[in-house]
Amino acid sequence: MTEYRYLKIACSTSSNSGRGYIKFYLDDYVSFSNAGEKYIKCVDRYPFNRNSSDDGSILEIDNDKTRYYSSEHIFDETCVKFVKRELRDLRSKIESLERRVSSSESNSSTQLVLRRNVETDLSVIRGERDNLRGRIYSLESSSQSLETRNYDLQRERDNYQQRVYGLESTNFSLQNQLTRKDGDIEWGKGQLVIKEREKEQFKNERDDYKNKWVLSESEVKKITDSFNALKIEENKRETEIASLKEELESLQNVDIRYKERKLDELIRNSGLNNNRPRIINLRDAYVKLYNRDDIVDANREIETIKAELFQTNVAINDLHKIYKTCEKIAELRVKQEKLREQQQQYEARQEVPPHN
């Protein structure tokens, strides 16, 4: 039969060495392999890390296990357990009954019946103690499970917040890059206009020279070299402008995909999955509006769809987020289409052969 000791906690201290244990000082000795000590070390976790030394808590210590370890060993719940007040009361009853049994053994055989009754009561109380101990163990296990679940949920919340912060930072960075590329493209357009003017001026000057007098071969070569250098510079600028436009279009595609993904998330989170086709119609109506295609009809369609969505149970703030996202996607698409048209017009002008 397992030998348990029930010792009262006098006080407790926590380790600062990083080993992670709590040292409980007790009112009597615990048997260890090296000596008997009035303390025992336990792992620094629930239930040992709760403040239990101020209410006279009692530890149930398995002497059959502690005697095989030294006093510096760190024990866990398999050897040491907290005893509730009900168990302490049962312990007092058991000790009282055991004293009565011991006393009855010294009396005459006429008290045999009383002794058997006491032993029966003792057996019942011990059974109650075991049942109560099982209930306490079950409650402690449930508490540990709930604490673990709470910790997991907090970690999931922190991970989600970090993901949201990362997406917002990425979007901010892309917006800054898009602004810088717009500035680069405008600068490139200005340089292109300047080069076009310089080329036209040079062409006019060349024609004037041809009409006025015949140039020497060295002058022709010098002018030709200057013209070739100017042409090389122009081609280099055109390449840079084309590269910048490709980067801008790529960034705009990224921004459009991000906005469309955000729109889908708003639709799902707002519970408007069945209304998604109408929301797509709202986005297309904004495209018509920005293209100046039948503005009256586009505004009428926008207001009709908004009125339909207003009849749902979705919060006003969420609806306005959906409206704003649809409008932003439409604006980006129209800008992207106009940029393509300008590029095609520019390429068409470059393909027209110059007049001799």
Protein backbone atom coordinates (compact mmCIF):
# COMPACT_ATOMS: atom_id res chain seq x y z
CA MET A 1 0.00 0.00 0.00
CA THR A 2 1.35 3.46 -0.88
CA GLU A 3 2.63 5.52 2.05
CA TYR A 4 1.47 9.14 1.89
CA ARG A 5 2.52 12.01 4.13
CA TYR A 6 0.35 15.07 4.65
CA LEU A 7 2.49 18.10 5.53
CA LYS A 8 1.44 21.72 6.02
CA ILE A 9 3.15 24.47 3.95
CA ALA A 10 4.94 27.09 6.07
CA CYS A 11 6.16 29.26 3.20
CA SER A 12 7.48 29.00 -0.38
CA THR A 13 10.17 30.57 -2.57
CA SER A 14 10.83 30.60 -6.34
CA SER A 15 14.22 29.88 -7.96
CA ASN A 16 16.16 32.59 -9.83
CA SER A 17 18.62 30.19 -11.44
CA GLY A 18 16.52 29.47 -14.51
CA ARG A 19 15.90 25.81 -13.51
CA GLY A 20 12.23 26.58 -12.87
CA TYR A 21 11.21 25.23 -9.44
CA ILE A 22 9.34 26.32 -6.27
CA LYS A 23 10.70 25.38 -2.83
CA PHE A 24 8.01 24.61 -0.21
CA TYR A 25 9.06 24.72 3.46
CA LEU A 26 7.01 22.22 5.53
CA ASP A 27 6.10 21.55 9.17
CA ASP A 28 7.75 18.10 9.23
CA TYR A 29 10.43 16.02 7.50
CA VAL A 30 10.23 14.38 4.06
CA SER A 31 12.22 11.20 3.44
CA PHE A 32 14.83 11.46 0.66
CA SER A 33 17.62 9.12 -0.45
CA ASN A 34 20.32 11.31 1.11
CA ALA A 35 18.55 12.68 4.21
CA GLY A 36 15.30 13.93 5.70
CA GLU A 37 14.49 17.58 5.02
CA LYS A 38 11.69 19.97 5.99
CA TYR A 39 11.25 21.15 2.41
CA ILE A 40 10.53 19.80 -1.06
CA LYS A 41 11.18 21.27 -4.55
CA CYS A 42 8.40 21.21 -7.19
CA VAL A 43 8.19 22.29 -10.86
CA ASP A 44 7.34 25.96 -11.41
CA ARG A 45 3.90 25.51 -13.04
CA TYR A 46 0.26 25.09 -12.16
CA PRO A 47 -0.86 24.11 -9.52
CA PHE A 48 2.41 24.66 -7.65
CA ASN A 49 2.94 28.27 -8.79
CA ARG A 50 -0.32 29.51 -7.20
CA ASN A 51 -0.04 31.35 -3.86
CA SER A 52 -1.11 28.64 -1.43
CA SER A 53 1.18 29.12 1.57
CA ASP A 54 -1.04 31.71 3.27
CA ASP A 55 -4.13 29.55 3.80
CA GLY A 56 -2.51 26.59 5.55
CA SER A 57 -2.53 24.41 2.43
CA ILE A 58 -1.34 20.84 2.80
CA LEU A 59 0.77 18.76 0.39
CA GLU A 60 0.14 15.07 -0.12
CA ILE A 61 3.62 13.53 -0.61
CA ASP A 62 4.24 9.98 -1.87
CA ASN A 63 7.01 8.73 0.45
CA ASP A 64 7.43 5.54 -1.59
CA LYS A 65 8.72 7.72 -4.49
CA THR A 66 10.58 10.54 -2.71
CA ARG A 67 12.83 8.17 -0.77
CA TYR A 68 14.45 7.12 -4.10
CA TYR A 69 15.49 10.70 -4.97
CA SER A 70 17.77 13.25 -3.30
CA SER A 71 16.48 16.38 -1.60
CA GLU A 72 17.62 18.46 -4.64
CA HIS A 73 15.36 16.58 -7.07
CA ILE A 74 12.49 18.61 -8.60
CA PHE A 75 9.18 16.73 -8.25
CA ASP A 76 5.93 17.02 -10.24
CA GLU A 77 2.26 16.06 -9.77
CA THR A 78 3.04 12.33 -9.82
CA CYS A 79 4.67 12.59 -6.37
CA VAL A 80 3.21 15.77 -4.83
CA LYS A 81 -0.38 17.07 -4.81
CA PHE A 82 -2.28 19.84 -3.07
CA VAL A 83 -4.89 18.68 -0.54
CA LYS A 84 -8.17 20.61 -0.34
CA ARG A 85 -9.84 21.55 2.96
CA GLU A 86 -12.32 18.66 2.58
CA LEU A 87 -9.42 16.19 2.41
CA ARG A 88 -7.85 17.77 5.48
CA ASP A 89 -11.16 17.33 7.34
CA LEU A 90 -11.31 13.70 6.19
CA ARG A 91 -7.72 13.26 7.28
CA SER A 92 -8.67 14.52 10.77
CA LYS A 93 -11.62 12.12 10.89
CA ILE A 94 -9.43 9.23 9.76
CA GLU A 95 -6.79 10.00 12.37
CA SER A 96 -9.51 10.24 15.05
CA LEU A 97 -10.98 6.91 13.99
CA GLU A 98 -7.54 5.31 13.87
CA ARG A 99 -6.93 6.50 17.44
CA ARG A 100 -10.27 5.06 18.44
CA VAL A 101 -9.35 1.76 16.79
CA SER A 102 -6.00 1.69 18.58
CA SER A 103 -7.76 2.45 21.86
CA SER A 104 -10.36 -0.22 21.25
CA GLU A 105 -7.64 -2.83 20.63
CA SER A 106 -6.33 -2.31 24.17
CA ASN A 107 -9.77 -2.89 25.67
CA SER A 108 -11.45 -6.19 26.29
CA SER A 109 -13.11 -8.32 23.65
CA THR A 110 -16.46 -6.84 24.61
CA GLN A 111 -15.61 -3.80 22.48
CA LEU A 112 -15.06 -5.89 19.31
CA VAL A 113 -18.41 -4.81 17.87
CA LEU A 114 -17.55 -1.16 18.40
CA ARG A 115 -14.20 -1.66 16.72
CA ARG A 116 -15.80 -3.28 13.68
CA ASN A 117 -18.26 -0.39 13.42
CA VAL A 118 -15.41 2.08 13.61
CA GLU A 119 -13.47 0.18 10.95
CA THR A 120 -16.55 0.20 8.72
CA ASP A 121 -16.89 3.95 9.19
CA LEU A 122 -13.19 4.32 8.50
CA SER A 123 -13.52 2.33 5.26
CA VAL A 124 -16.46 4.49 4.13
CA ILE A 125 -14.56 7.70 4.91
CA ARG A 126 -11.49 6.45 3.06
CA GLY A 127 -13.70 5.67 0.06
CA GLU A 128 -15.10 9.21 0.22
CA ARG A 129 -11.56 10.55 0.45
CA ASP A 130 -10.51 8.60 -2.68
CA ASN A 131 -13.60 9.78 -4.57
CA LEU A 132 -12.94 13.38 -3.55
CA ARG A 133 -9.30 13.04 -4.56
CA GLY A 134 -10.41 11.78 -8.00
CA ARG A 135 -12.79 14.73 -8.38
CA ILE A 136 -10.03 17.18 -7.44
CA TYR A 137 -7.66 15.60 -9.96
CA SER A 138 -10.34 15.78 -12.67
CA LEU A 139 -11.02 19.48 -11.91
CA GLU A 140 -7.31 20.30 -11.95
CA SER A 141 -6.91 18.51 -15.31
CA SER A 142 -9.86 20.47 -16.74
CA SER A 143 -8.35 23.73 -15.45
CA GLN A 144 -5.01 22.95 -17.11
CA SER A 145 -6.79 22.10 -20.39
CA LEU A 146 -8.70 25.41 -20.32
CA GLU A 147 -5.52 27.37 -19.59
CA THR A 148 -3.78 25.65 -22.53
CA ARG A 149 -6.72 26.45 -24.83
CA ASN A 150 -6.73 30.11 -23.71
CA TYR A 151 -2.99 30.36 -24.42
CA ASP A 152 -3.48 28.87 -27.92
CA LEU A 153 -6.28 31.33 -28.68
CA GLN A 154 -4.14 34.28 -27.57
CA ARG A 155 -1.31 33.10 -29.86
CA GLU A 156 -3.75 32.79 -32.80
CA ARG A 157 -5.00 36.35 -32.13
CA ASP A 158 -1.42 37.71 -32.00
CA ASN A 159 -0.53 35.90 -35.26
CA TYR A 160 -3.61 37.34 -37.01
CA GLN A 161 -2.77 40.87 -35.81
CA GLN A 162 0.79 40.47 -37.11
CA ARG A 163 -0.53 39.31 -40.51
CA VAL A 164 -2.86 42.34 -40.73
CA TYR A 165 0.00 44.67 -39.82
CA GLY A 166 2.22 43.05 -42.47
CA LEU A 167 -0.45 43.46 -45.19
CA GLU A 168 -0.99 47.11 -44.25
CA SER A 169 2.76 47.78 -44.36
CA THR A 170 3.03 46.08 -47.78
CA ASN A 171 0.13 48.13 -49.14
CA PHE A 172 1.70 51.37 -47.83
CA SER A 173 5.03 50.47 -49.46
CA LEU A 174 3.35 49.67 -52.80
CA GLN A 175 1.47 52.98 -52.72
CA ASN A 176 4.75 54.85 -52.15
CA GLN A 177 6.42 52.97 -55.01
CA LEU A 178 3.46 53.74 -57.28
CA THR A 179 3.71 57.47 -56.43
CA ARG A 180 7.44 57.50 -57.18
CA LYS A 181 6.94 55.67 -60.49
CA ASP A 182 4.24 58.17 -61.50
CA GLY A 183 6.74 60.97 -60.89
CA ASP A 184 9.40 59.16 -62.91
CA ILE A 185 7.00 58.67 -65.82
CA GLU A 186 6.01 62.36 -65.81
CA TRP A 187 9.69 63.33 -65.82
CA GLY A 188 10.33 60.88 -68.68
CA LYS A 189 7.45 62.36 -70.66
CA GLY A 190 8.90 65.85 -70.17
CA GLN A 191 12.33 64.67 -71.35
CA LEU A 192 10.73 62.99 -74.35
CA VAL A 193 8.97 66.22 -75.34
CA ILE A 194 12.27 68.13 -75.03
CA LYS A 195 14.08 65.60 -77.21
CA GLU A 196 11.30 65.71 -79.78
CA ARG A 197 11.63 69.49 -79.95
CA GLU A 198 15.41 69.29 -80.20
CA LYS A 199 15.11 66.71 -82.98
CA GLU A 200 12.59 68.83 -84.86
CA GLN A 201 14.76 71.92 -84.44
CA PHE A 202 17.81 70.04 -85.64
CA LYS A 203 15.87 68.71 -88.62
CA ASN A 204 14.74 72.21 -89.55
CA GLU A 205 18.25 73.57 -89.22
CA ARG A 206 19.57 70.73 -91.39
CA ASP A 207 17.00 71.49 -94.09
CA ASP A 208 17.94 75.19 -93.99
CA TYR A 209 21.60 74.31 -94.40
CA LYS A 210 20.81 72.02 -97.34
CA ASN A 211 18.84 74.77 -99.08
CA LYS A 212 21.41 77.52 -98.48
CA TRP A 213 24.77 75.95 -99.26
CA VAL A 214 26.64 72.68 -99.70
CA LEU A 215 28.37 71.45 -96.58
CA SER A 216 31.85 70.00 -96.47
CA GLU A 217 32.31 66.32 -95.73
CA SER A 218 33.77 67.06 -92.27
CA GLU A 219 30.79 69.25 -91.39
CA VAL A 220 28.38 66.61 -92.66
CA LYS A 221 30.16 63.96 -90.61
CA LYS A 222 30.05 66.17 -87.50
CA ILE A 223 26.36 66.86 -87.93
CA THR A 224 25.69 63.18 -88.64
CA ASP A 225 27.58 62.13 -85.51
CA SER A 226 25.64 64.67 -83.43
CA PHE A 227 22.37 63.43 -84.90
CA ASN A 228 23.30 59.78 -84.22
CA ALA A 229 24.29 60.62 -80.66
CA LEU A 230 20.99 62.40 -80.21
CA LYS A 231 19.15 59.41 -81.68
CA ILE A 232 20.98 57.01 -79.34
CA GLU A 233 20.07 59.21 -76.37
CA GLU A 234 16.48 59.33 -77.56
CA ASN A 235 16.32 55.53 -77.89
CA LYS A 236 17.80 55.17 -74.40
CA ARG A 237 15.16 57.51 -72.96
CA GLU A 238 12.42 55.64 -74.81
CA THR A 239 13.68 52.35 -73.35
CA GLU A 240 13.74 53.86 -69.86
CA ILE A 241 10.21 55.24 -70.29
CA ALA A 242 8.94 51.87 -71.55
CA SER A 243 10.57 50.12 -68.58
CA LEU A 244 9.01 52.61 -66.14
CA LYS A 245 5.60 52.16 -67.75
CA GLU A 246 5.91 48.37 -67.47
CA GLU A 247 6.82 48.71 -63.79
CA LEU A 248 3.88 51.06 -63.24
CA GLU A 249 1.48 48.65 -64.96
CA SER A 250 2.86 45.79 -62.84
CA LEU A 251 2.37 47.79 -59.64
CA GLN A 252 -1.14 48.78 -60.73
CA ASN A 253 -1.94 45.10 -61.38
CA VAL A 254 -0.70 44.24 -57.88
CA ASP A 255 -2.79 47.05 -56.38
CA ILE A 256 -5.89 45.97 -58.34
CA ARG A 257 -5.48 42.33 -57.25
CA TYR A 258 -5.03 43.47 -53.65
CA LYS A 259 -8.17 45.64 -53.78
CA GLU A 260 -10.20 42.81 -55.41
CA ARG A 261 -9.03 40.41 -52.72
CA LYS A 262 -9.97 42.95 -50.06
CA LEU A 263 -13.42 43.31 -51.70
CA ASP A 264 -13.95 39.52 -51.56
CA GLU A 265 -12.96 39.50 -47.88
CA LEU A 266 -15.45 42.32 -47.14
CA ILE A 267 -18.21 40.43 -48.98
CA ARG A 268 -17.53 37.20 -47.07
CA ASN A 269 -17.11 38.87 -43.66
CA SER A 270 -20.33 40.87 -44.16
CA GLY A 271 -22.31 37.74 -45.13
CA LEU A 272 -23.15 39.12 -48.63
CA ASN A 273 -22.03 36.02 -50.56
CA ASN A 274 -25.42 35.80 -52.31
CA ASN A 275 -25.20 39.51 -53.28
CA ARG A 276 -21.72 39.21 -54.83
CA PRO A 277 -22.97 39.48 -58.47
CA ARG A 278 -24.70 42.78 -57.65
CA ILE A 279 -21.56 44.10 -55.95
CA ILE A 280 -19.56 43.21 -59.11
CA ASN A 281 -22.21 45.16 -61.09
CA LEU A 282 -21.61 48.09 -58.71
CA ARG A 283 -17.87 47.96 -59.47
CA ASP A 284 -18.53 47.89 -63.25
CA ALA A 285 -20.94 50.84 -62.91
CA TYR A 286 -18.14 52.86 -61.29
CA VAL A 287 -15.91 51.93 -64.27
CA LYS A 288 -18.56 53.38 -66.63
CA LEU A 289 -18.72 56.52 -64.48
CA TYR A 290 -14.94 57.07 -64.56
CA ASN A 291 -14.89 56.42 -68.35
CA ARG A 292 -17.60 59.10 -68.78
CA ASP A 293 -19.73 56.49 -70.55
CA ASP A 294 -23.39 57.48 -70.07
CA ILE A 295 -22.89 59.16 -66.68
CA VAL A 296 -26.62 59.41 -65.94
CA ASP A 297 -27.20 55.69 -66.49
CA ALA A 298 -24.11 54.79 -64.45
CA ASN A 299 -25.21 56.94 -61.50
CA ARG A 300 -28.73 55.45 -61.67
CA GLU A 301 -27.34 51.90 -61.57
CA ILE A 302 -25.02 52.76 -58.65
CA GLU A 303 -27.87 54.19 -56.56
CA THR A 304 -30.13 51.19 -57.38
CA ILE A 305 -27.53 48.67 -56.19
CA LYS A 306 -26.80 50.71 -53.06
CA ALA A 307 -30.51 50.76 -52.24
CA GLU A 308 -30.64 46.94 -52.58
CA LEU A 309 -27.64 46.45 -50.28
CA PHE A 310 -29.09 48.93 -47.78
CA GLN A 311 -32.02 46.55 -47.25
CA THR A 312 -29.67 43.89 -45.84
CA ASN A 313 -28.63 43.60 -42.19
CA VAL A 314 -25.01 44.63 -42.88
CA ALA A 315 -23.59 47.51 -40.81
CA ILE A 316 -23.46 50.93 -42.54
CA ASN A 317 -19.70 51.17 -42.03
CA ASP A 318 -19.16 47.82 -43.77
CA LEU A 319 -21.38 48.84 -46.69
CA HIS A 320 -19.43 52.07 -47.18
CA LYS A 321 -16.16 50.11 -47.11
CA ILE A 322 -17.55 47.94 -49.94
CA TYR A 323 -18.64 51.05 -51.92
CA LYS A 324 -15.24 52.68 -51.47
CA THR A 325 -13.35 49.53 -52.51
CA CYS A 326 -15.48 49.12 -55.66
CA GLU A 327 -14.84 52.76 -56.60
CA LYS A 328 -11.08 52.42 -56.00
CA ILE A 329 -10.87 49.29 -58.20
CA ALA A 330 -12.76 51.10 -60.97
CA GLU A 331 -10.44 54.12 -60.73
CA LEU A 332 -7.31 51.94 -60.98
CA ARG A 333 -8.70 50.01 -63.96
CA VAL A 334 -9.56 53.19 -65.87
CA LYS A 335 -6.12 54.68 -65.18
CA GLN A 336 -4.46 51.47 -66.35
CA GLU A 337 -6.52 51.41 -69.57
CA LYS A 338 -5.72 55.06 -70.36
CA LEU A 339 -2.03 54.37 -69.80
CA ARG A 340 -2.18 51.49 -72.31
CA GLU A 341 -3.92 53.74 -74.86
CA GLN A 342 -1.26 56.44 -74.47
CA GLN A 343 1.47 53.83 -74.92
CA GLN A 344 -0.18 52.49 -78.10
CA GLN A 345 -0.57 56.02 -79.51
CA TYR A 346 3.06 56.80 -78.78
CA GLU A 347 4.23 53.57 -80.43
CA ALA A 348 2.03 54.31 -83.46
CA ARG A 349 3.65 57.76 -83.83
CA GLN A 350 7.10 56.20 -83.62
CA GLU A 351 6.27 53.79 -86.46
CA VAL A 352 5.32 56.63 -88.88
CA PRO A 353 8.32 57.17 -91.27
CA PRO A 354 9.80 60.71 -91.21
CA HIS A 355 9.26 63.06 -94.19
CA ASN A 356 12.34 63.67 -96.37
